[in-house]
Amino acid sequence: MDVIVYSKPQCVQCTATVKALSTKGITHKVVDLTQDDSAMTTIQSLGYRQVPVVVAGLKHWSGFRPDMISQIR
């Protein structure tokens, strides 16, 4: 399953999310929204206005969500 974390620099919740994924050994890609306009369009189309936004397969959510991270397999 592809896991993508849409983030911005100096975002505390983004850093916590990436650290939690790494700690659990979950392979992920981090996309910096300040560098990728199309990624910003993507998360806005999903209805999000704050970061981080995590897309894991068909699931997606916003914010630091250890409960959701633990469900990734």
Protein backbone atom coordinates (compact mmCIF):
# COMPACT_ATOMS: atom_id res chain seq x y z
CA MET A 1 0.00 0.00 0.00
CA ASP A 2 1.27 3.47 -0.84
CA VAL A 3 1.33 5.88 2.08
CA ILE A 4 1.73 9.58 1.32
CA VAL A 5 2.09 12.33 3.92
CA TYR A 6 1.28 15.79 2.60
CA SER A 7 3.05 18.29 4.83
CA LYS A 8 4.58 21.73 5.22
CA PRO A 9 7.90 22.76 6.76
CA GLN A 10 8.01 23.28 10.53
CA CYS A 11 4.67 21.56 11.08
CA VAL A 12 4.73 19.82 14.47
CA GLN A 13 1.91 17.40 13.64
CA CYS A 14 3.57 16.58 10.31
CA THR A 15 6.85 15.76 12.05
CA ALA A 16 5.03 13.59 14.62
CA THR A 17 3.18 11.73 11.86
CA VAL A 18 6.34 11.01 9.86
CA LYS A 19 8.17 9.89 13.02
CA ALA A 20 5.32 7.54 14.00
CA LEU A 21 5.26 5.99 10.52
CA SER A 22 9.03 5.52 10.57
CA THR A 23 8.97 4.04 14.07
CA LYS A 24 6.39 1.46 12.94
CA GLY A 25 8.49 0.65 9.87
CA ILE A 26 5.80 1.87 7.48
CA THR A 27 7.25 2.94 4.14
CA HIS A 28 5.93 6.35 3.17
CA LYS A 29 6.53 9.31 0.92
CA VAL A 30 6.49 12.90 2.18
CA VAL A 31 5.21 15.59 -0.19
CA ASP A 32 5.98 19.21 0.71
CA LEU A 33 2.92 21.25 -0.22
CA THR A 34 4.99 24.45 -0.43
CA GLN A 35 6.90 22.86 -3.33
CA ASP A 36 4.09 21.07 -5.17
CA ASP A 37 1.01 23.01 -6.33
CA SER A 38 -0.68 19.92 -7.78
CA ALA A 39 -0.41 18.16 -4.40
CA MET A 40 -2.15 21.12 -2.77
CA THR A 41 -4.96 20.78 -5.33
CA THR A 42 -5.16 17.06 -4.55
CA ILE A 43 -5.68 17.49 -0.81
CA GLN A 44 -8.11 20.35 -1.30
CA SER A 45 -10.15 18.12 -3.61
CA LEU A 46 -10.36 15.64 -0.72
CA GLY A 47 -11.79 18.44 1.44
CA TYR A 48 -8.76 19.17 3.63
CA ARG A 49 -7.50 22.59 4.65
CA GLN A 50 -4.84 21.67 7.23
CA VAL A 51 -1.81 19.40 7.32
CA PRO A 52 -0.66 16.78 7.64
CA VAL A 53 -2.92 14.88 5.31
CA VAL A 54 -2.16 11.18 5.14
CA VAL A 55 -3.37 9.04 2.26
CA ALA A 56 -2.97 5.32 2.90
CA GLY A 57 -4.57 3.27 0.18
CA LEU A 58 -8.27 4.19 0.15
CA LYS A 59 -8.16 5.79 3.62
CA HIS A 60 -7.18 9.37 4.27
CA TRP A 61 -7.20 11.73 7.25
CA SER A 62 -5.82 14.99 8.54
CA GLY A 63 -3.75 15.65 11.65
CA PHE A 64 -1.57 13.46 13.82
CA ARG A 65 -3.68 10.32 14.25
CA PRO A 66 -1.84 7.47 16.00
CA ASP A 67 -5.09 5.48 15.94
CA MET A 68 -5.21 5.61 12.15
CA ILE A 69 -1.48 4.98 11.78
CA SER A 70 -1.83 1.80 13.84
CA GLN A 71 -4.41 0.51 11.32
CA ILE A 72 -1.98 0.69 8.38
CA ARG A 73 -0.76 -2.74 7.37
